[in-house]
Structure formats: structure tokens, C-alpha cells
Amino acid sequence: MKKLMTMARQFRDDENGAAMVEYSILIGIIAVASILIVIAIGAWVSGRFTDLCTGLDGHPTGTCSAAGGS
């Protein structure tokens, strides 16, 4: 019985599980933030290329085929 109580106290005092949960939450937050940043940068770059293509189409010597990718 004494051994069981000792094991129960050790399990109660062990903080490794709590730290692992905290690190998992932190990694999740970093992953979500990274994904959102990549999406935002992609939208910004896409907008810049659209503006460039529009500008080239408006110029007499420039052409831009957005559908063709060139």
C-alpha cells in the first residue's frame, strides 16, 4: 500500500505532461500564424502581379496574358 501511495504522489507531482500540453499549444499557435502569414504574402504577391499585368495591358507596346501565365 505504501508503494502505491508513493507512486500516486509521484504521478501527481510530475509536471512533464503539463509542459508537453503547453508546448503543443505553442507549436499549434506558431503553425497557424505561419500559415496565415504565407497566405497573406501570397495574396499580396498575386495582387502585385495583377496590377503589373493590368498596367502592361494598358500600355501600347505591352501585353500580358494572365490566363496563359506569361
PDB file of N, CA and C in Angstrom:
ATOM      1  N   MET A   1       0.824  -1.188   0.000  1.00  0.00           N
ATOM      2  CA  MET A   1       0.000   0.000   0.000  1.00  0.00           C
ATOM      3  C   MET A   1       0.872   1.257   0.000  1.00  0.00           C
ATOM      4  N   LYS A   2       1.985   1.212   0.718  1.00  0.00           N
ATOM      5  CA  LYS A   2       2.887   2.358   0.782  1.00  0.00           C
ATOM      6  C   LYS A   2       3.480   2.643  -0.598  1.00  0.00           C
ATOM      7  N   LYS A   3       3.794   1.596  -1.334  1.00  0.00           N
ATOM      8  CA  LYS A   3       4.359   1.757  -2.667  1.00  0.00           C
ATOM      9  C   LYS A   3       3.322   2.401  -3.603  1.00  0.00           C
ATOM     10  N   LEU A   4       2.083   2.000  -3.489  1.00  0.00           N
ATOM     11  CA  LEU A   4       1.016   2.569  -4.302  1.00  0.00           C
ATOM     12  C   LEU A   4       0.837   4.051  -3.997  1.00  0.00           C
ATOM     13  N   MET A   5       0.884   4.420  -2.733  1.00  0.00           N
ATOM     14  CA  MET A   5       0.759   5.827  -2.352  1.00  0.00           C
ATOM     15  C   MET A   5       1.944   6.641  -2.877  1.00  0.00           C
ATOM     16  N   THR A   6       3.134   6.067  -2.832  1.00  0.00           N
ATOM     17  CA  THR A   6       4.328   6.745  -3.344  1.00  0.00           C
ATOM     18  C   THR A   6       4.203   6.976  -4.846  1.00  0.00           C
ATOM     19  N   MET A   7       3.728   5.955  -5.552  1.00  0.00           N
ATOM     20  CA  MET A   7       3.542   6.096  -7.000  1.00  0.00           C
ATOM     21  C   MET A   7       2.478   7.145  -7.313  1.00  0.00           C
ATOM     22  N   ALA A   8       1.422   7.182  -6.532  1.00  0.00           N
ATOM     23  CA  ALA A   8       0.365   8.161  -6.742  1.00  0.00           C
ATOM     24  C   ALA A   8       0.878   9.579  -6.516  1.00  0.00           C
ATOM     25  N   ARG A   9       1.712   9.782  -5.504  1.00  0.00           N
ATOM     26  CA  ARG A   9       2.295  11.102  -5.242  1.00  0.00           C
ATOM     27  C   ARG A   9       3.234  11.516  -6.362  1.00  0.00           C
ATOM     28  N   GLN A  10       4.035  10.571  -6.859  1.00  0.00           N
ATOM     29  CA  GLN A  10       4.949  10.882  -7.957  1.00  0.00           C
ATOM     30  C   GLN A  10       4.172  11.268  -9.215  1.00  0.00           C
ATOM     31  N   PHE A  11       3.099  10.558  -9.488  1.00  0.00           N
ATOM     32  CA  PHE A  11       2.270  10.869 -10.650  1.00  0.00           C
ATOM     33  C   PHE A  11       1.631  12.252 -10.510  1.00  0.00           C
ATOM     34  N   ARG A  12       1.182  12.569  -9.318  1.00  0.00           N
ATOM     35  CA  ARG A  12       0.559  13.861  -9.059  1.00  0.00           C
ATOM     36  C   ARG A  12       1.563  15.002  -9.202  1.00  0.00           C
ATOM     37  N   ASP A  13       2.786  14.801  -8.763  1.00  0.00           N
ATOM     38  CA  ASP A  13       3.793  15.850  -8.771  1.00  0.00           C
ATOM     39  C   ASP A  13       4.523  15.978 -10.107  1.00  0.00           C
ATOM     40  N   ASP A  14       4.353  15.002 -10.995  1.00  0.00           N
ATOM     41  CA  ASP A  14       5.043  15.028 -12.284  1.00  0.00           C
ATOM     42  C   ASP A  14       4.418  16.103 -13.170  1.00  0.00           C
ATOM     43  N   GLU A  15       5.232  17.043 -13.644  1.00  0.00           N
ATOM     44  CA  GLU A  15       4.735  18.142 -14.459  1.00  0.00           C
ATOM     45  C   GLU A  15       5.107  17.992 -15.926  1.00  0.00           C
ATOM     46  N   ASN A  16       5.663  16.888 -16.343  1.00  0.00           N
ATOM     47  CA  ASN A  16       6.067  16.704 -17.732  1.00  0.00           C
ATOM     48  C   ASN A  16       4.856  16.729 -18.664  1.00  0.00           C
ATOM     49  N   GLY A  17       3.765  16.136 -18.260  1.00  0.00           N
ATOM     50  CA  GLY A  17       2.567  16.121 -19.092  1.00  0.00           C
ATOM     51  C   GLY A  17       2.022  17.514 -19.314  1.00  0.00           C
ATOM     52  N   ALA A  18       2.007  18.326 -18.280  1.00  0.00           N
ATOM     53  CA  ALA A  18       1.512  19.699 -18.400  1.00  0.00           C
ATOM     54  C   ALA A  18       2.411  20.513 -19.323  1.00  0.00           C
ATOM     55  N   ALA A  19       3.709  20.333 -19.205  1.00  0.00           N
ATOM     56  CA  ALA A  19       4.647  21.059 -20.063  1.00  0.00           C
ATOM     57  C   ALA A  19       4.463  20.630 -21.522  1.00  0.00           C
ATOM     58  N   MET A  20       4.222  19.350 -21.750  1.00  0.00           N
ATOM     59  CA  MET A  20       4.035  18.859 -23.107  1.00  0.00           C
ATOM     60  C   MET A  20       2.771  19.477 -23.720  1.00  0.00           C
ATOM     61  N   VAL A  21       1.721  19.605 -22.949  1.00  0.00           N
ATOM     62  CA  VAL A  21       0.494  20.228 -23.448  1.00  0.00           C
ATOM     63  C   VAL A  21       0.753  21.690 -23.781  1.00  0.00           C
ATOM     64  N   GLU A  22       1.471  22.388 -22.924  1.00  0.00           N
ATOM     65  CA  GLU A  22       1.773  23.795 -23.174  1.00  0.00           C
ATOM     66  C   GLU A  22       2.600  23.963 -24.441  1.00  0.00           C
ATOM     67  N   TYR A  23       3.612  23.117 -24.620  1.00  0.00           N
ATOM     68  CA  TYR A  23       4.434  23.192 -25.826  1.00  0.00           C
ATOM     69  C   TYR A  23       3.621  22.834 -27.067  1.00  0.00           C
ATOM     70  N   SER A  24       2.713  21.908 -26.959  1.00  0.00           N
ATOM     71  CA  SER A  24       1.865  21.532 -28.097  1.00  0.00           C
ATOM     72  C   SER A  24       0.972  22.696 -28.501  1.00  0.00           C
ATOM     73  N   ILE A  25       0.400  23.378 -27.539  1.00  0.00           N
ATOM     74  CA  ILE A  25      -0.429  24.549 -27.834  1.00  0.00           C
ATOM     75  C   ILE A  25       0.415  25.640 -28.482  1.00  0.00           C
ATOM     76  N   LEU A  26       1.609  25.861 -27.967  1.00  0.00           N
ATOM     77  CA  LEU A  26       2.501  26.873 -28.529  1.00  0.00           C
ATOM     78  C   LEU A  26       2.873  26.541 -29.968  1.00  0.00           C
ATOM     79  N   ILE A  27       3.188  25.284 -30.246  1.00  0.00           N
ATOM     80  CA  ILE A  27       3.529  24.863 -31.605  1.00  0.00           C
ATOM     81  C   ILE A  27       2.324  25.048 -32.527  1.00  0.00           C
ATOM     82  N   GLY A  28       1.134  24.743 -32.033  1.00  0.00           N
ATOM     83  CA  GLY A  28      -0.072  24.943 -32.825  1.00  0.00           C
ATOM     84  C   GLY A  28      -0.293  26.401 -33.181  1.00  0.00           C
ATOM     85  N   ILE A  29      -0.096  27.281 -32.221  1.00  0.00           N
ATOM     86  CA  ILE A  29      -0.262  28.714 -32.466  1.00  0.00           C
ATOM     87  C   ILE A  29       0.761  29.203 -33.485  1.00  0.00           C
ATOM     88  N   ILE A  30       2.003  28.760 -33.348  1.00  0.00           N
ATOM     89  CA  ILE A  30       3.053  29.157 -34.302  1.00  0.00           C
ATOM     90  C   ILE A  30       2.729  28.637 -35.699  1.00  0.00           C
ATOM     91  N   ALA A  31       2.239  27.401 -35.803  1.00  0.00           N
ATOM     92  CA  ALA A  31       1.899  26.825 -37.107  1.00  0.00           C
ATOM     93  C   ALA A  31       0.770  27.610 -37.767  1.00  0.00           C
ATOM     94  N   VAL A  32      -0.275  27.928 -37.018  1.00  0.00           N
ATOM     95  CA  VAL A  32      -1.400  28.683 -37.576  1.00  0.00           C
ATOM     96  C   VAL A  32      -0.939  30.076 -38.006  1.00  0.00           C
ATOM     97  N   ALA A  33      -0.128  30.734 -37.201  1.00  0.00           N
ATOM     98  CA  ALA A  33       0.374  32.060 -37.551  1.00  0.00           C
ATOM     99  C   ALA A  33       1.235  32.001 -38.810  1.00  0.00           C
ATOM    100  N   SER A  34       2.064  30.981 -38.929  1.00  0.00           N
ATOM    101  CA  SER A  34       2.912  30.831 -40.112  1.00  0.00           C
ATOM    102  C   SER A  34       2.073  30.630 -41.366  1.00  0.00           C
ATOM    103  N   ILE A  35       1.060  29.791 -41.273  1.00  0.00           N
ATOM    104  CA  ILE A  35       0.188  29.545 -42.421  1.00  0.00           C
ATOM    105  C   ILE A  35      -0.530  30.825 -42.835  1.00  0.00           C
ATOM    106  N   LEU A  36      -1.031  31.575 -41.870  1.00  0.00           N
ATOM    107  CA  LEU A  36      -1.721  32.826 -42.181  1.00  0.00           C
ATOM    108  C   LEU A  36      -0.787  33.848 -42.825  1.00  0.00           C
ATOM    109  N   ILE A  37       0.451  33.897 -42.375  1.00  0.00           N
ATOM    110  CA  ILE A  37       1.432  34.823 -42.958  1.00  0.00           C
ATOM    111  C   ILE A  37       1.735  34.429 -44.393  1.00  0.00           C
ATOM    112  N   VAL A  38       1.905  33.140 -44.662  1.00  0.00           N
ATOM    113  CA  VAL A  38       2.180  32.682 -46.028  1.00  0.00           C
ATOM    114  C   VAL A  38       0.991  32.998 -46.940  1.00  0.00           C
ATOM    115  N   ILE A  39      -0.220  32.796 -46.465  1.00  0.00           N
ATOM    116  CA  ILE A  39      -1.415  33.111 -47.265  1.00  0.00           C
ATOM    117  C   ILE A  39      -1.478  34.617 -47.544  1.00  0.00           C
ATOM    118  N   ALA A  40      -1.195  35.422 -46.542  1.00  0.00           N
ATOM    119  CA  ALA A  40      -1.243  36.878 -46.715  1.00  0.00           C
ATOM    120  C   ALA A  40      -0.185  37.347 -47.710  1.00  0.00           C
ATOM    121  N   ILE A  41       1.011  36.811 -47.624  1.00  0.00           N
ATOM    122  CA  ILE A  41       2.071  37.186 -48.564  1.00  0.00           C
ATOM    123  C   ILE A  41       1.705  36.735 -49.969  1.00  0.00           C
ATOM    124  N   GLY A  42       1.124  35.552 -50.098  1.00  0.00           N
ATOM    125  CA  GLY A  42       0.697  35.064 -51.408  1.00  0.00           C
ATOM    126  C   GLY A  42      -0.353  35.962 -52.029  1.00  0.00           C
ATOM    127  N   ALA A  43      -1.308  36.424 -51.229  1.00  0.00           N
ATOM    128  CA  ALA A  43      -2.341  37.327 -51.739  1.00  0.00           C
ATOM    129  C   ALA A  43      -1.727  38.658 -52.152  1.00  0.00           C
ATOM    130  N   TRP A  44      -0.764  39.148 -51.400  1.00  0.00           N
ATOM    131  CA  TRP A  44      -0.107  40.406 -51.724  1.00  0.00           C
ATOM    132  C   TRP A  44       0.659  40.288 -53.039  1.00  0.00           C
ATOM    133  N   VAL A  45       1.417  39.198 -53.201  1.00  0.00           N
ATOM    134  CA  VAL A  45       2.186  38.985 -54.430  1.00  0.00           C
ATOM    135  C   VAL A  45       1.238  38.836 -55.622  1.00  0.00           C
ATOM    136  N   SER A  46       0.163  38.104 -55.448  1.00  0.00           N
ATOM    137  CA  SER A  46      -0.813  37.935 -56.525  1.00  0.00           C
ATOM    138  C   SER A  46      -1.403  39.281 -56.934  1.00  0.00           C
ATOM    139  N   GLY A  47      -1.707  40.115 -55.965  1.00  0.00           N
ATOM    140  CA  GLY A  47      -2.225  41.450 -56.257  1.00  0.00           C
ATOM    141  C   GLY A  47      -1.224  42.298 -57.018  1.00  0.00           C
ATOM    142  N   ARG A  48       0.027  42.198 -56.636  1.00  0.00           N
ATOM    143  CA  ARG A  48       1.073  42.967 -57.327  1.00  0.00           C
ATOM    144  C   ARG A  48       1.202  42.527 -58.778  1.00  0.00           C
ATOM    145  N   PHE A  49       1.170  41.221 -59.033  1.00  0.00           N
ATOM    146  CA  PHE A  49       1.265  40.728 -60.400  1.00  0.00           C
ATOM    147  C   PHE A  49       0.026  41.109 -61.208  1.00  0.00           C
ATOM    148  N   THR A  50      -1.127  41.111 -60.585  1.00  0.00           N
ATOM    149  CA  THR A  50      -2.350  41.538 -61.277  1.00  0.00           C
ATOM    150  C   THR A  50      -2.245  43.005 -61.670  1.00  0.00           C
ATOM    151  N   ASP A  51      -1.755  43.834 -60.756  1.00  0.00           N
ATOM    152  CA  ASP A  51      -1.562  45.254 -61.067  1.00  0.00           C
ATOM    153  C   ASP A  51      -0.552  45.437 -62.197  1.00  0.00           C
ATOM    154  N   LEU A  52       0.513  44.669 -62.184  1.00  0.00           N
ATOM    155  CA  LEU A  52       1.529  44.734 -63.228  1.00  0.00           C
ATOM    156  C   LEU A  52       0.933  44.331 -64.573  1.00  0.00           C
ATOM    157  N   CYS A  53       0.156  43.263 -64.583  1.00  0.00           N
ATOM    158  CA  CYS A  53      -0.474  42.787 -65.811  1.00  0.00           C
ATOM    159  C   CYS A  53      -1.458  43.813 -66.345  1.00  0.00           C
ATOM    160  N   THR A  54      -2.219  44.423 -65.459  1.00  0.00           N
ATOM    161  CA  THR A  54      -3.164  45.466 -65.869  1.00  0.00           C
ATOM    162  C   THR A  54      -2.418  46.649 -66.466  1.00  0.00           C
ATOM    163  N   GLY A  55      -1.316  47.019 -65.854  1.00  0.00           N
ATOM    164  CA  GLY A  55      -0.506  48.123 -66.375  1.00  0.00           C
ATOM    165  C   GLY A  55       0.090  47.800 -67.731  1.00  0.00           C
ATOM    166  N   LEU A  56       0.535  46.579 -67.921  1.00  0.00           N
ATOM    167  CA  LEU A  56       1.100  46.192 -69.215  1.00  0.00           C
ATOM    168  C   LEU A  56       0.036  46.155 -70.299  1.00  0.00           C
ATOM    169  N   ASP A  57      -1.154  45.699 -69.964  1.00  0.00           N
ATOM    170  CA  ASP A  57      -2.239  45.666 -70.943  1.00  0.00           C
ATOM    171  C   ASP A  57      -2.659  47.076 -71.355  1.00  0.00           C
ATOM    172  N   GLY A  58      -2.518  48.026 -70.466  1.00  0.00           N
ATOM    173  CA  GLY A  58      -2.888  49.406 -70.769  1.00  0.00           C
ATOM    174  C   GLY A  58      -1.853  50.129 -71.607  1.00  0.00           C
ATOM    175  N   HIS A  59      -0.641  49.621 -71.684  1.00  0.00           N
ATOM    176  CA  HIS A  59       0.427  50.262 -72.452  1.00  0.00           C
ATOM    177  C   HIS A  59       0.380  49.754 -73.886  1.00  0.00           C
ATOM    178  N   PRO A  60       0.620  50.648 -74.884  1.00  0.00           N
ATOM    179  CA  PRO A  60       0.507  50.219 -76.282  1.00  0.00           C
ATOM    180  C   PRO A  60       1.478  49.098 -76.680  1.00  0.00           C
ATOM    181  N   THR A  61       2.657  49.060 -76.085  1.00  0.00           N
ATOM    182  CA  THR A  61       3.637  48.043 -76.502  1.00  0.00           C
ATOM    183  C   THR A  61       3.658  46.836 -75.579  1.00  0.00           C
ATOM    184  N   GLY A  62       2.941  46.905 -74.492  1.00  0.00           N
ATOM    185  CA  GLY A  62       2.967  45.798 -73.531  1.00  0.00           C
ATOM    186  C   GLY A  62       1.760  44.892 -73.657  1.00  0.00           C
ATOM    187  N   THR A  63       2.007  43.622 -73.456  1.00  0.00           N
ATOM    188  CA  THR A  63       0.899  42.674 -73.430  1.00  0.00           C
ATOM    189  C   THR A  63       1.101  41.742 -72.241  1.00  0.00           C
ATOM    190  N   CYS A  64      -0.003  41.295 -71.704  1.00  0.00           N
ATOM    191  CA  CYS A  64       0.059  40.373 -70.591  1.00  0.00           C
ATOM    192  C   CYS A  64      -1.091  39.392 -70.734  1.00  0.00           C
ATOM    193  N   SER A  65      -0.755  38.132 -70.757  1.00  0.00           N
ATOM    194  CA  SER A  65      -1.785  37.099 -70.832  1.00  0.00           C
ATOM    195  C   SER A  65      -1.834  36.418 -69.491  1.00  0.00           C
ATOM    196  N   ALA A  66      -2.708  36.903 -68.610  1.00  0.00           N
ATOM    197  CA  ALA A  66      -2.792  36.339 -67.263  1.00  0.00           C
ATOM    198  C   ALA A  66      -3.244  34.892 -67.297  1.00  0.00           C
ATOM    199  N   ALA A  67      -4.116  34.541 -68.238  1.00  0.00           N
ATOM    200  CA  ALA A  67      -4.610  33.162 -68.323  1.00  0.00           C
ATOM    201  C   ALA A  67      -3.509  32.216 -68.790  1.00  0.00           C
ATOM    202  N   GLY A  68      -2.624  32.721 -69.632  1.00  0.00           N
ATOM    203  CA  GLY A  68      -1.549  31.869 -70.159  1.00  0.00           C
ATOM    204  C   GLY A  68      -0.365  31.780 -69.217  1.00  0.00           C
ATOM    205  N   GLY A  69      -0.306  32.650 -68.239  1.00  0.00           N
ATOM    206  CA  GLY A  69       0.775  32.602 -67.266  1.00  0.00           C
ATOM    207  C   GLY A  69       2.051  33.229 -67.766  1.00  0.00           C
ATOM    208  N   SER A  70       1.986  34.050 -68.812  1.00  0.00           N
ATOM    209  CA  SER A  70       3.195  34.694 -69.318  1.00  0.00           C
ATOM    210  C   SER A  70       2.996  36.186 -69.434  1.00  0.00           C
TER     211      SER A  70
END
